[in-house]
Amino acid sequence: MSGRSNRKKAKDASASVDGETASPDFGFLAELVSFHFRMLSIELNRAYDHSFADTPLAGGTGKLSTLIVVANNPGVSQTSVAKALDKDRSAMVKLVDHLEAKELIVRHPSPKERRTYALQLTDKGRSLLDQVTNIACRYDEDFFSVLTDEERDELVRILKKLRRHHEPGTAGL
């Protein structure tokens, strides 16, 4: 279908209902993949915040990912986690400070490199892991429930391809 046909349909869908516009005309934005990603990202963050509201991982992004990477890689350096999650140094320090204040992880000077911190999960962090894993899986399942298994697999494949291309320095994906 041509972009012109899509724009006409989008304009028709925004027709007036009782003097109110059902949806504004987004013009060329309606055709941009990046626009839809940004809009969906807002909804993803809202759903995440709602799902994790009653946990120490509430508010902001990166806490769950950091906790999981540290759990799966005991003794990993703070720098390695930052690189894997594509976080700058100051953002990573804030994340680790938060998780450490919540007694979920500890940082120790690395035995390999004095200027580097090695991260470990605490007992409290390990006990939280099952709970947040269940929340994350349920949140993901609920948010993407509109997709078939095949569509979901294809979406993950495409997203990984885009990440490898645009974030080649991130690890593991």
Protein backbone atom coordinates (compact mmCIF):
# COMPACT_ATOMS: atom_id res chain seq x y z
CA MET A 1 0.00 0.00 0.00
CA SER A 2 1.38 3.41 -0.89
CA GLY A 3 2.22 6.10 1.63
CA ARG A 4 -0.46 8.30 0.05
CA SER A 5 -3.17 5.67 0.67
CA ASN A 6 -2.03 5.24 4.26
CA ARG A 7 -2.11 8.99 4.85
CA LYS A 8 -5.64 9.20 3.44
CA LYS A 9 -6.78 6.38 5.75
CA ALA A 10 -5.08 8.09 8.70
CA LYS A 11 -6.83 11.35 7.82
CA ASP A 12 -10.21 9.56 7.49
CA ALA A 13 -9.64 7.89 10.89
CA SER A 14 -9.14 11.32 12.45
CA ALA A 15 -12.54 12.55 11.28
CA SER A 16 -14.54 14.70 13.62
CA VAL A 17 -16.86 13.05 16.15
CA ASP A 18 -19.29 15.47 17.80
CA GLY A 19 -16.95 18.34 16.99
CA GLU A 20 -14.01 16.58 18.63
CA THR A 21 -11.14 15.15 16.62
CA ALA A 22 -10.90 11.43 17.37
CA SER A 23 -7.21 11.47 16.54
CA PRO A 24 -5.07 14.31 15.23
CA ASP A 25 -3.49 14.09 11.80
CA PHE A 26 0.16 13.20 12.39
CA GLY A 27 1.07 13.80 8.75
CA PHE A 28 4.26 12.07 7.66
CA LEU A 29 5.00 10.95 11.24
CA ALA A 30 2.37 8.21 10.85
CA GLU A 31 4.66 6.61 8.26
CA LEU A 32 7.86 6.69 10.35
CA VAL A 33 8.87 3.52 12.15
CA SER A 34 10.89 5.64 14.59
CA PHE A 35 7.79 7.63 15.57
CA HIS A 36 5.88 4.45 16.41
CA PHE A 37 8.85 3.13 18.41
CA ARG A 38 9.00 6.33 20.45
CA MET A 39 5.26 6.29 21.11
CA LEU A 40 5.30 2.62 22.03
CA SER A 41 8.32 3.19 24.26
CA ILE A 42 6.27 5.61 26.34
CA GLU A 43 3.59 2.95 26.83
CA LEU A 44 6.21 0.29 27.61
CA ASN A 45 7.69 2.50 30.31
CA ARG A 46 4.26 3.19 31.81
CA ALA A 47 3.45 -0.52 31.90
CA TYR A 48 6.86 -1.26 33.45
CA ASP A 49 6.41 1.42 36.11
CA HIS A 50 2.97 0.05 36.96
CA SER A 51 4.18 -3.57 37.11
CA PHE A 52 7.21 -2.82 39.31
CA ALA A 53 5.61 -0.10 41.47
CA ASP A 54 5.70 -2.21 44.64
CA THR A 55 9.31 -3.39 44.25
CA PRO A 56 12.72 -1.84 44.94
CA LEU A 57 13.13 -1.66 41.14
CA ALA A 58 10.36 0.93 40.70
CA GLY A 59 11.02 4.24 39.00
CA GLY A 60 13.36 4.70 36.10
CA THR A 61 15.01 2.23 33.82
CA GLY A 62 17.97 -0.10 34.03
CA LYS A 63 17.52 -1.50 37.52
CA LEU A 64 16.05 -4.84 36.45
CA SER A 65 18.59 -5.30 33.65
CA THR A 66 21.48 -4.47 35.99
CA LEU A 67 20.20 -6.86 38.65
CA ILE A 68 19.82 -9.70 36.11
CA VAL A 69 23.26 -9.13 34.55
CA VAL A 70 24.89 -9.11 37.99
CA ALA A 71 22.95 -12.24 39.03
CA ASN A 72 24.02 -14.10 35.89
CA ASN A 73 27.63 -12.86 36.02
CA PRO A 74 28.82 -12.79 39.66
CA GLY A 75 31.83 -10.52 40.07
CA VAL A 76 31.17 -8.69 36.80
CA SER A 77 32.71 -5.23 36.64
CA GLN A 78 30.55 -2.15 36.83
CA THR A 79 32.15 -1.04 33.56
CA SER A 80 31.20 -4.29 31.80
CA VAL A 81 27.59 -3.97 32.92
CA ALA A 82 27.51 -0.35 31.72
CA LYS A 83 28.87 -1.36 28.33
CA ALA A 84 26.46 -4.31 27.99
CA LEU A 85 23.47 -2.09 28.83
CA ASP A 86 24.75 0.90 26.84
CA LYS A 87 24.79 3.15 29.93
CA ASP A 88 27.26 5.97 30.44
CA ARG A 89 29.45 5.98 33.53
CA SER A 90 27.36 8.43 35.57
CA ALA A 91 24.09 6.59 34.80
CA MET A 92 25.68 3.29 35.83
CA VAL A 93 27.00 4.77 39.08
CA LYS A 94 23.47 6.00 39.92
CA LEU A 95 21.99 2.57 39.15
CA VAL A 96 24.55 0.74 41.26
CA ASP A 97 24.20 3.29 44.08
CA HIS A 98 20.43 2.71 44.08
CA LEU A 99 20.70 -1.09 44.06
CA GLU A 100 23.37 -0.97 46.74
CA ALA A 101 21.26 1.36 48.92
CA LYS A 102 18.39 -1.15 48.60
CA GLU A 103 20.88 -3.87 49.70
CA LEU A 104 20.35 -5.84 46.47
CA ILE A 105 23.97 -5.77 45.29
CA VAL A 106 27.38 -5.01 46.75
CA ARG A 107 30.45 -3.68 45.03
CA HIS A 108 33.98 -4.60 45.97
CA PRO A 109 37.28 -3.56 44.48
CA SER A 110 38.04 -6.06 41.74
CA PRO A 111 40.82 -8.54 42.54
CA LYS A 112 41.97 -8.19 38.91
CA GLU A 113 42.00 -4.38 38.63
CA ARG A 114 42.17 -2.04 41.64
CA ARG A 115 40.34 0.81 39.89
CA THR A 116 37.40 -1.43 38.94
CA TYR A 117 34.46 -2.57 41.04
CA ALA A 118 33.21 -6.16 40.99
CA LEU A 119 29.46 -6.51 41.56
CA GLN A 120 27.74 -9.28 43.49
CA LEU A 121 24.14 -9.99 44.38
CA THR A 122 23.32 -9.95 48.09
CA ASP A 123 21.06 -12.54 49.73
CA LYS A 124 18.27 -9.95 49.60
CA GLY A 125 18.95 -9.45 45.87
CA ARG A 126 18.85 -13.21 45.25
CA SER A 127 15.55 -13.55 47.11
CA LEU A 128 14.05 -10.70 45.05
CA LEU A 129 15.15 -12.32 41.78
CA ASP A 130 12.28 -14.85 41.50
CA GLN A 131 9.67 -12.19 42.25
CA VAL A 132 10.98 -9.69 39.68
CA THR A 133 11.52 -12.43 37.09
CA ASN A 134 7.86 -13.41 37.40
CA ILE A 135 6.76 -9.76 37.23
CA ALA A 136 8.93 -9.10 34.16
CA CYS A 137 7.67 -12.19 32.33
CA ARG A 138 4.04 -11.39 33.14
CA TYR A 139 4.52 -7.73 32.14
CA ASP A 140 6.11 -8.74 28.84
CA GLU A 141 3.46 -11.37 28.14
CA ASP A 142 0.60 -8.96 28.91
CA PHE A 143 2.03 -6.06 26.93
CA PHE A 144 2.66 -8.13 23.80
CA SER A 145 -0.37 -10.43 24.12
CA VAL A 146 -1.88 -8.97 20.94
CA LEU A 147 0.91 -10.70 18.94
CA THR A 148 0.90 -14.33 17.89
CA ASP A 149 3.89 -16.46 18.91
CA GLU A 150 5.20 -16.19 15.35
CA GLU A 151 4.82 -12.39 15.28
CA ARG A 152 6.52 -12.13 18.65
CA ASP A 153 9.46 -14.27 17.50
CA GLU A 154 9.75 -12.17 14.34
CA LEU A 155 9.64 -8.93 16.31
CA VAL A 156 12.41 -10.14 18.63
CA ARG A 157 14.49 -11.20 15.60
CA ILE A 158 14.06 -7.78 13.98
CA LEU A 159 14.81 -5.88 17.20
CA LYS A 160 17.98 -7.92 17.77
CA LYS A 161 19.07 -7.21 14.21
CA LEU A 162 18.54 -3.47 14.74
CA ARG A 163 20.41 -3.55 18.07
CA ARG A 164 23.37 -5.41 16.56
CA HIS A 165 23.54 -2.81 13.81
CA HIS A 166 23.04 0.34 15.89
CA GLU A 167 24.59 -0.83 19.19
CA PRO A 168 27.42 -3.15 18.12
CA GLY A 169 29.28 -2.58 21.41
CA THR A 170 26.53 -4.07 23.57
CA ALA A 171 27.09 -7.65 24.61
CA GLY A 172 25.16 -10.83 24.25
CA LEU A 173 22.29 -9.96 21.97
